[in-house]
Protein backbone atom coordinates (compact mmCIF):
# COMPACT_ATOMS: atom_id res chain seq x y z
CA UNK A 1 -59.27 25.15 20.57
CA UNK A 2 -62.06 25.78 23.07
CA UNK A 3 -61.56 27.43 26.44
CA UNK A 4 -63.18 25.18 29.07
CA UNK A 5 -63.56 27.22 32.23
CA UNK A 6 -66.20 25.49 34.37
CA UNK A 7 -63.73 24.57 37.13
CA UNK A 8 -62.82 28.25 37.63
CA UNK A 9 -66.39 29.56 37.72
CA UNK A 10 -67.49 30.95 41.08
CA UNK A 11 -70.92 32.21 40.06
CA UNK A 12 -72.59 34.07 37.21
CA UNK A 13 -75.72 34.91 35.31
CA UNK A 14 -77.01 34.68 31.75
CA UNK A 15 -79.67 37.23 30.80
CA UNK A 16 -81.77 36.60 27.67
CA UNK A 17 -84.75 38.81 28.56
CA UNK A 18 -84.19 40.91 25.40
CA UNK A 19 -84.96 38.76 22.37
CA UNK A 20 -82.04 38.49 19.97
CA UNK A 21 -79.40 39.48 22.55
CA UNK A 22 -77.88 37.49 25.40
CA UNK A 23 -75.87 39.22 28.11
CA UNK A 24 -74.05 37.79 31.06
CA UNK A 25 -71.52 38.18 33.83
CA UNK A 26 -69.32 35.36 35.08
CA UNK A 27 -66.98 35.60 38.06
CA UNK A 28 -63.89 33.37 38.01
CA UNK A 29 -61.74 32.26 40.95
CA UNK A 30 -58.76 34.55 41.38
CA UNK A 31 -60.24 37.44 39.38
CA UNK A 32 -61.91 40.48 40.86
CA UNK A 33 -63.79 41.62 37.76
CA UNK A 34 -66.25 39.31 35.97
CA UNK A 35 -66.28 38.29 32.34
CA UNK A 36 -68.86 40.48 30.59
CA UNK A 37 -70.84 38.74 27.82
CA UNK A 38 -72.64 40.59 25.04
CA UNK A 39 -73.74 38.00 22.48
CA UNK A 40 -75.90 38.04 19.37
CA UNK A 41 -78.59 35.36 19.50
CA UNK A 42 -80.80 33.56 21.99
CA UNK A 43 -80.51 30.66 24.42
CA UNK A 44 -82.36 27.39 23.98
CA UNK A 45 -86.04 27.37 24.83
CA UNK A 46 -85.59 26.20 28.45
CA UNK A 47 -83.93 29.48 29.47
CA UNK A 48 -84.86 31.82 26.58
CA UNK A 49 -86.51 35.01 27.85
CA UNK A 50 -85.18 34.42 31.37
CA UNK A 51 -82.26 35.14 33.66
CA UNK A 52 -80.25 32.08 34.61
CA UNK A 53 -78.13 32.36 37.75
CA UNK A 54 -75.62 29.67 38.62
CA UNK A 55 -72.91 28.95 41.18
CA UNK A 56 -70.14 26.41 41.50
CA UNK A 57 -69.88 24.63 44.87
CA UNK A 58 -66.15 23.91 44.37
CA UNK A 59 -64.43 26.64 42.30
CA UNK A 60 -60.70 26.38 41.60
CA UNK A 61 -58.18 28.91 40.33
CA UNK A 62 -57.35 28.13 36.69
CA UNK A 63 -54.36 29.84 35.10
CA UNK A 64 -55.68 29.37 31.58
CA UNK A 65 -59.11 30.80 32.42
CA UNK A 66 -57.37 33.79 34.00
CA UNK A 67 -56.01 34.67 30.55
CA UNK A 68 -59.50 35.23 29.10
CA UNK A 69 -60.28 38.78 28.08
CA UNK A 70 -62.85 40.51 30.26
CA UNK A 71 -64.78 41.66 27.19
CA UNK A 72 -66.61 38.61 25.78
CA UNK A 73 -68.45 40.14 22.84
CA UNK A 74 -69.44 37.82 20.03
CA UNK A 75 -71.98 35.22 18.88
CA UNK A 76 -73.95 32.85 21.05
CA UNK A 77 -73.51 29.10 20.77
CA UNK A 78 -75.65 26.43 22.40
CA UNK A 79 -76.86 27.66 25.80
CA UNK A 80 -79.12 25.46 27.91
CA UNK A 81 -79.63 24.37 31.49
CA UNK A 82 -80.99 20.97 30.38
CA UNK A 83 -78.68 19.59 27.71
CA UNK A 84 -78.98 15.80 27.76
CA UNK A 85 -75.80 13.82 28.44
CA UNK A 86 -75.03 10.24 29.38
CA UNK A 87 -73.38 9.91 32.78
CA UNK A 88 -71.73 6.73 34.16
CA UNK A 89 -73.32 5.50 37.40
CA UNK A 90 -72.74 2.51 39.62
CA UNK A 91 -75.12 -0.37 38.97
CA UNK A 92 -74.83 -3.87 40.40
CA UNK A 93 -76.72 -5.47 37.49
CA UNK A 94 -74.60 -3.82 34.77
CA UNK A 95 -71.38 -5.28 33.33
CA UNK A 96 -68.41 -4.27 35.51
CA UNK A 97 -70.87 -2.56 37.84
CA UNK A 98 -71.17 0.57 35.67
CA UNK A 99 -74.14 1.79 33.64
CA UNK A 100 -75.12 5.10 32.04
CA UNK A 101 -78.11 7.32 32.64
CA UNK A 102 -79.32 10.51 30.99
CA UNK A 103 -79.03 13.73 32.99
CA UNK A 104 -79.56 17.44 32.43
CA UNK A 105 -76.34 19.41 32.18
CA UNK A 106 -75.64 23.14 32.21
CA UNK A 107 -74.07 23.93 28.85
CA UNK A 108 -73.00 27.50 28.06
CA UNK A 109 -71.15 28.11 24.81
CA UNK A 110 -70.24 31.28 22.96
CA UNK A 111 -67.82 32.49 20.30
CA UNK A 112 -65.86 35.51 21.45
CA UNK A 113 -64.38 37.95 18.97
CA UNK A 114 -61.16 37.96 21.02
CA UNK A 115 -60.81 34.47 22.50
CA UNK A 116 -62.80 32.26 20.16
CA UNK A 117 -64.91 29.39 21.50
CA UNK A 118 -65.58 29.34 25.26
CA UNK A 119 -67.50 26.49 26.96
CA UNK A 120 -68.90 25.85 30.44
CA UNK A 121 -70.15 22.31 31.08
CA UNK A 122 -71.33 21.34 34.57
CA UNK A 123 -73.57 18.78 36.22
CA UNK A 124 -73.22 19.97 39.81
CA UNK A 125 -73.77 23.75 39.60
CA UNK A 126 -76.60 25.27 41.61
CA UNK A 127 -79.11 26.84 39.18
CA UNK A 128 -81.89 29.40 39.52
CA UNK A 129 -84.09 30.54 36.60
CA UNK A 130 -86.29 33.64 36.73
CA UNK A 131 -89.71 33.99 35.11
CA UNK A 132 -89.87 34.45 31.31
CA UNK A 133 -90.16 37.89 29.71
CA UNK A 134 -90.89 36.27 26.34
CA UNK A 135 -91.31 32.70 25.14
CA UNK A 136 -89.61 30.76 22.33
CA UNK A 137 -91.57 28.24 20.26
CA UNK A 138 -90.17 25.08 18.70
CA UNK A 139 -89.57 26.62 15.26
CA UNK A 140 -87.63 29.52 16.76
CA UNK A 141 -85.51 27.14 18.80
CA UNK A 142 -84.77 25.03 15.71
CA UNK A 143 -83.72 28.17 13.83
CA UNK A 144 -81.44 29.24 16.70
CA UNK A 145 -79.83 25.79 16.88
CA UNK A 146 -79.19 25.90 13.14
CA UNK A 147 -77.56 29.33 13.54
CA UNK A 148 -75.42 27.81 16.32
CA UNK A 149 -74.34 25.05 13.95
CA UNK A 150 -73.23 27.68 11.45
CA UNK A 151 -71.26 29.48 14.17
CA UNK A 152 -69.51 26.22 15.11
CA UNK A 153 -68.79 25.49 11.45
CA UNK A 154 -67.26 28.95 10.93
CA UNK A 155 -65.13 28.55 14.04
CA UNK A 156 -63.85 25.13 12.94
CA UNK A 157 -62.96 26.53 9.51
CA UNK A 158 -60.74 29.07 11.27
CA UNK A 159 -59.16 26.40 13.47
CA UNK A 160 -58.29 24.18 10.52
CA UNK A 161 -57.48 27.21 8.29
CA UNK A 162 -57.11 24.98 5.31
CA UNK A 163 -57.16 26.45 1.84
CA UNK A 164 -58.88 24.95 -1.18
CA UNK A 165 -56.19 24.92 -3.88
CA UNK A 166 -57.11 24.52 -7.52
CA UNK A 167 -56.64 20.97 -8.81
CA UNK A 168 -53.82 22.10 -11.12
CA UNK A 169 -52.07 23.82 -8.23
CA UNK A 170 -52.14 20.83 -5.90
CA UNK A 171 -48.59 19.50 -5.33
CA UNK A 172 -47.61 16.05 -6.53
CA UNK A 173 -47.01 13.95 -3.38
CA UNK A 174 -44.08 12.24 -5.10
CA UNK A 175 -42.35 15.62 -5.54
CA UNK A 176 -42.96 16.95 -2.00
CA UNK A 177 -39.93 17.19 0.26
CA UNK A 178 -39.71 16.65 4.01
CA UNK A 179 -40.67 20.23 4.88
CA UNK A 180 -43.70 20.28 2.60
CA UNK A 181 -44.85 17.03 4.17
CA UNK A 182 -44.36 18.55 7.63
CA UNK A 183 -46.81 21.30 6.69
CA UNK A 184 -49.24 18.66 5.49
CA UNK A 185 -48.88 16.79 8.78
CA UNK A 186 -49.48 19.97 10.78
CA UNK A 187 -52.67 20.47 8.79
CA UNK A 188 -53.64 16.89 9.57
CA UNK A 189 -53.01 17.53 13.29
CA UNK A 190 -55.28 20.58 13.23
CA UNK A 191 -57.97 18.57 11.49
CA UNK A 192 -57.67 15.76 14.05
CA UNK A 193 -57.88 18.18 16.99
CA UNK A 194 -60.87 19.93 15.44
CA UNK A 195 -62.71 16.65 14.80
CA UNK A 196 -62.03 15.47 18.35
CA UNK A 197 -63.65 18.63 19.68
CA UNK A 198 -66.63 18.17 17.38
CA UNK A 199 -67.02 14.55 18.47
CA UNK A 200 -67.00 15.56 22.13
CA UNK A 201 -69.75 18.09 21.55
CA UNK A 202 -72.15 16.04 19.42
CA UNK A 203 -71.46 12.46 20.57
CA UNK A 204 -74.77 12.23 22.48
CA UNK A 205 -76.84 13.94 19.78
CA UNK A 206 -79.28 11.58 18.00
CA UNK A 207 -78.29 13.14 14.66
CA UNK A 208 -74.58 13.31 15.50
CA UNK A 209 -73.28 12.10 12.11
CA UNK A 210 -75.01 14.83 10.14
CA UNK A 211 -74.07 17.54 12.62
CA UNK A 212 -70.44 16.47 12.70
CA UNK A 213 -70.24 16.39 8.90
CA UNK A 214 -71.83 19.84 8.61
CA UNK A 215 -69.61 21.47 11.23
CA UNK A 216 -66.44 19.93 9.76
CA UNK A 217 -67.40 21.16 6.29
CA UNK A 218 -67.68 17.66 4.84
CA UNK A 219 -70.48 18.53 2.43
CA UNK A 220 -69.89 15.45 0.30
CA UNK A 221 -70.52 13.21 3.29
CA UNK A 222 -73.65 15.21 4.10
CA UNK A 223 -74.98 14.52 0.60
CA UNK A 224 -74.20 10.83 0.94
CA UNK A 225 -75.94 10.63 4.32
CA UNK A 226 -79.00 12.37 2.88
CA UNK A 227 -79.14 10.02 -0.11
CA UNK A 228 -78.83 6.91 2.04
CA UNK A 229 -81.44 8.21 4.45
CA UNK A 230 -83.88 8.61 1.55
CA UNK A 231 -83.18 5.10 0.28
CA UNK A 232 -83.45 3.39 3.62
CA UNK A 233 -85.02 4.98 6.66
CA UNK A 234 -83.21 2.43 8.80
CA UNK A 235 -79.82 3.46 7.49
CA UNK A 236 -78.56 5.04 10.69
CA UNK A 237 -79.44 1.92 12.65
CA UNK A 238 -77.32 -0.30 10.42
CA UNK A 239 -73.75 0.96 10.56
CA UNK A 240 -72.35 -2.19 9.01
CA UNK A 241 -74.26 -1.53 5.80
CA UNK A 242 -72.67 1.92 5.51
CA UNK A 243 -69.12 0.58 5.68
CA UNK A 244 -69.58 -2.79 3.98
CA UNK A 245 -67.69 -2.47 0.69
CA UNK A 246 -67.35 -6.18 -0.03
CA UNK A 247 -63.81 -6.42 1.26
CA UNK A 248 -64.63 -7.89 4.67
CA UNK A 249 -63.57 -11.42 3.70
CA UNK A 250 -60.28 -10.16 2.29
CA UNK A 251 -59.56 -8.19 5.45
CA UNK A 252 -60.35 -11.19 7.61
CA UNK A 253 -57.99 -13.33 5.55
CA UNK A 254 -55.26 -10.70 5.81
CA UNK A 255 -55.42 -10.86 9.61
CA UNK A 256 -53.87 -14.32 9.44
CA UNK A 257 -50.74 -12.81 7.88
CA UNK A 258 -49.67 -11.55 11.32
CA UNK A 259 -46.64 -9.28 11.40
CA UNK A 260 -45.07 -10.59 8.16
CA UNK A 261 -45.44 -7.20 6.51
CA UNK A 262 -44.42 -5.09 9.52
CA UNK A 263 -41.12 -3.25 9.43
CA UNK A 264 -38.57 -4.51 12.01
CA UNK A 265 -38.11 -1.01 13.43
CA UNK A 266 -41.85 -0.58 13.91
CA UNK A 267 -42.07 -4.01 15.58
CA UNK A 268 -39.34 -2.97 18.00
CA UNK A 269 -41.12 0.33 18.70
CA UNK A 270 -44.43 -1.45 19.30
CA UNK A 271 -42.82 -3.94 21.68
CA UNK A 272 -41.21 -1.06 23.58
CA UNK A 273 -44.55 0.73 23.93
CA UNK A 274 -46.24 -2.43 25.19
CA UNK A 275 -43.41 -3.08 27.63
CA UNK A 276 -43.69 0.47 28.92
CA UNK A 277 -47.40 -0.07 29.52
CA UNK A 278 -46.56 -3.12 31.65
CA UNK A 279 -43.70 -1.52 33.58
CA UNK A 280 -44.99 1.99 34.25
CA UNK A 281 -47.73 2.29 36.83
CA UNK A 282 -51.19 2.67 35.31
CA UNK A 283 -52.54 5.15 37.87
CA UNK A 284 -50.46 7.98 36.39
CA UNK A 285 -52.09 11.38 35.95
CA UNK A 286 -52.22 12.89 32.42
CA UNK A 287 -49.46 15.41 33.19
CA UNK A 288 -47.19 12.93 34.98
CA UNK A 289 -43.93 11.62 33.46
CA UNK A 290 -45.32 8.07 33.45
CA UNK A 291 -48.35 9.04 31.41
CA UNK A 292 -46.22 11.07 29.01
CA UNK A 293 -43.67 8.31 28.53
CA UNK A 294 -46.27 5.68 27.60
CA UNK A 295 -48.46 7.93 25.43
CA UNK A 296 -45.46 9.25 23.47
CA UNK A 297 -44.14 5.74 22.81
CA UNK A 298 -47.59 4.59 21.64
CA UNK A 299 -47.86 7.61 19.38
CA UNK A 300 -44.41 6.96 17.95
CA UNK A 301 -45.22 3.30 17.29
CA UNK A 302 -48.45 4.17 15.48
CA UNK A 303 -46.80 6.76 13.24
CA UNK A 304 -43.97 4.37 12.36
CA UNK A 305 -46.57 1.79 11.34
CA UNK A 306 -48.15 4.29 8.96
CA UNK A 307 -44.79 5.21 7.41
CA UNK A 308 -42.97 1.86 7.31
CA UNK A 309 -45.40 -1.06 7.26
CA UNK A 310 -47.12 -2.54 4.21
CA UNK A 311 -44.16 -2.55 1.83
CA UNK A 312 -44.69 -6.15 0.71
CA UNK A 313 -48.16 -5.28 -0.55
CA UNK A 314 -46.64 -2.74 -2.95
CA UNK A 315 -47.26 0.32 -0.79
CA UNK A 316 -44.34 2.76 -1.08
CA UNK A 317 -44.87 6.08 0.72
CA UNK A 318 -43.12 9.17 -0.61
CA UNK A 319 -39.64 9.82 0.79
CA UNK A 320 -40.55 13.30 2.01
CA UNK A 321 -43.47 11.90 3.97
CA UNK A 322 -41.31 9.22 5.63
CA UNK A 323 -38.64 11.79 6.54
CA UNK A 324 -41.24 14.06 8.12
CA UNK A 325 -42.73 11.19 10.14
CA UNK A 326 -39.30 10.03 11.30
CA UNK A 327 -38.44 13.56 12.42
CA UNK A 328 -41.58 13.66 14.56
CA UNK A 329 -40.82 10.23 16.00
CA UNK A 330 -37.36 11.48 16.99
CA UNK A 331 -38.96 14.33 18.92
CA UNK A 332 -41.42 11.99 20.70
CA UNK A 333 -38.60 9.60 21.58
CA UNK A 334 -36.54 12.42 23.10
CA UNK A 335 -39.53 13.52 25.19
CA UNK A 336 -40.27 9.96 26.32
CA UNK A 337 -36.62 9.43 27.31
CA UNK A 338 -36.79 12.62 29.37
CA UNK A 339 -39.98 11.44 31.05
CA UNK A 340 -38.39 8.06 31.74
CA UNK A 341 -35.41 9.80 33.29
CA UNK A 342 -37.76 11.72 35.61
CA UNK A 343 -39.25 8.42 36.76
CA UNK A 344 -35.82 6.92 37.39
CA UNK A 345 -34.73 9.83 39.56
CA UNK A 346 -37.65 9.24 41.92
CA UNK A 347 -37.63 5.42 41.83
CA UNK A 348 -36.32 3.54 44.89
CA UNK A 349 -37.18 -0.05 43.94
CA UNK A 350 -34.13 -1.68 42.28
CA UNK A 351 -36.15 -3.97 39.97
CA UNK A 352 -38.38 -1.14 38.80
CA UNK A 353 -35.33 1.04 38.24
CA UNK A 354 -33.72 -1.67 36.09
CA UNK A 355 -36.92 -2.03 34.04
CA UNK A 356 -37.07 1.73 33.44
CA UNK A 357 -33.39 1.75 32.47
CA UNK A 358 -34.07 -0.97 29.90
CA UNK A 359 -36.94 1.05 28.42
CA UNK A 360 -34.69 4.08 28.17
CA UNK A 361 -31.83 2.16 26.53
CA UNK A 362 -34.20 0.59 23.99
CA UNK A 363 -35.56 4.05 23.18
CA UNK A 364 -31.97 5.17 22.50
CA UNK A 365 -31.51 2.20 20.15
CA UNK A 366 -34.66 3.07 18.22
CA UNK A 367 -33.61 6.70 18.03
CA UNK A 368 -30.22 5.69 16.59
CA UNK A 369 -31.96 3.50 14.01
CA UNK A 370 -34.26 6.35 13.01
CA UNK A 371 -31.26 8.67 12.66
CA UNK A 372 -29.56 6.18 10.37
CA UNK A 373 -32.72 5.66 8.30
CA UNK A 374 -33.11 9.42 7.84
CA UNK A 375 -29.47 9.64 6.72
CA UNK A 376 -29.99 6.91 4.14
CA UNK A 377 -33.21 8.43 2.82
CA UNK A 378 -31.61 11.84 2.43
């Protein structure tokens, strides 16, 4: 996905004094030579025709950023020193003491022929903008932003790298085996990762739905949004109308059914994930064993729900799909057990150690049950 290198930036400059071409040099912590940018296209109007110089007050060495190629030749993305973003701020009158305010953010994005999408997002960089050599009007900026959308769309198509098979060539889900389903699930993972990146970029855009649909290649959704916008100018302010398909009462009634239709193994997995959330300290960092243990158990519980629940309503997923999901759950369980073991090695409190041991033993029980279920399905 995208390279996000703002933490490693020491200082740099973006030069758009020649219309149609943007050049730049960016020095990163731990590297002697700068990244050299030669990009087709222009910046947004606030820095178009100018030289933007920036510096990071707190640069850090980043191993991933160090792997970037020095030659950053490609196509420009959105480049602006005043991209609007919502930032949480302390506020005594707001709920929980936190409110949001709009601020200008430095946003530098480009699509390198070698490395793909590279992004710098920063609120605290020191900025200096030279006088303009040429000026960009509103129409030219709109055209550049549309070109940037196309660049993002092309990049996402490469990330997803999903083919468009002919209808006759599409496999019958009932005839797909475990390995074919695994390929389908990998495609789904790529799509999820790509959509998450698109959401992060356009979440504060007033026309985010249309932009997200365009970049993801969902042309059918774009047509639907356009039709609804024509019918009702207030469409985007009434989200409930978009999703109201007349089944709300049925869904509300179904909520009373509780866990009657949940598979016993999924119930056990869900209870384990919830117990882990209670036992493992909540101040864990994303790369810590505690964070990994809880997130993997939650992920496993959710995937088991998709594969095993709902049988009483007549839903019967294909065997190959269930086998593929169970195989993934086995992998997540093994990783979570390893993370739990890391926590136990460092734990000194006897009660906490016993609680972690119980989580680990329950994970072993679920893993054994999954192994047996896979054997029966095969």
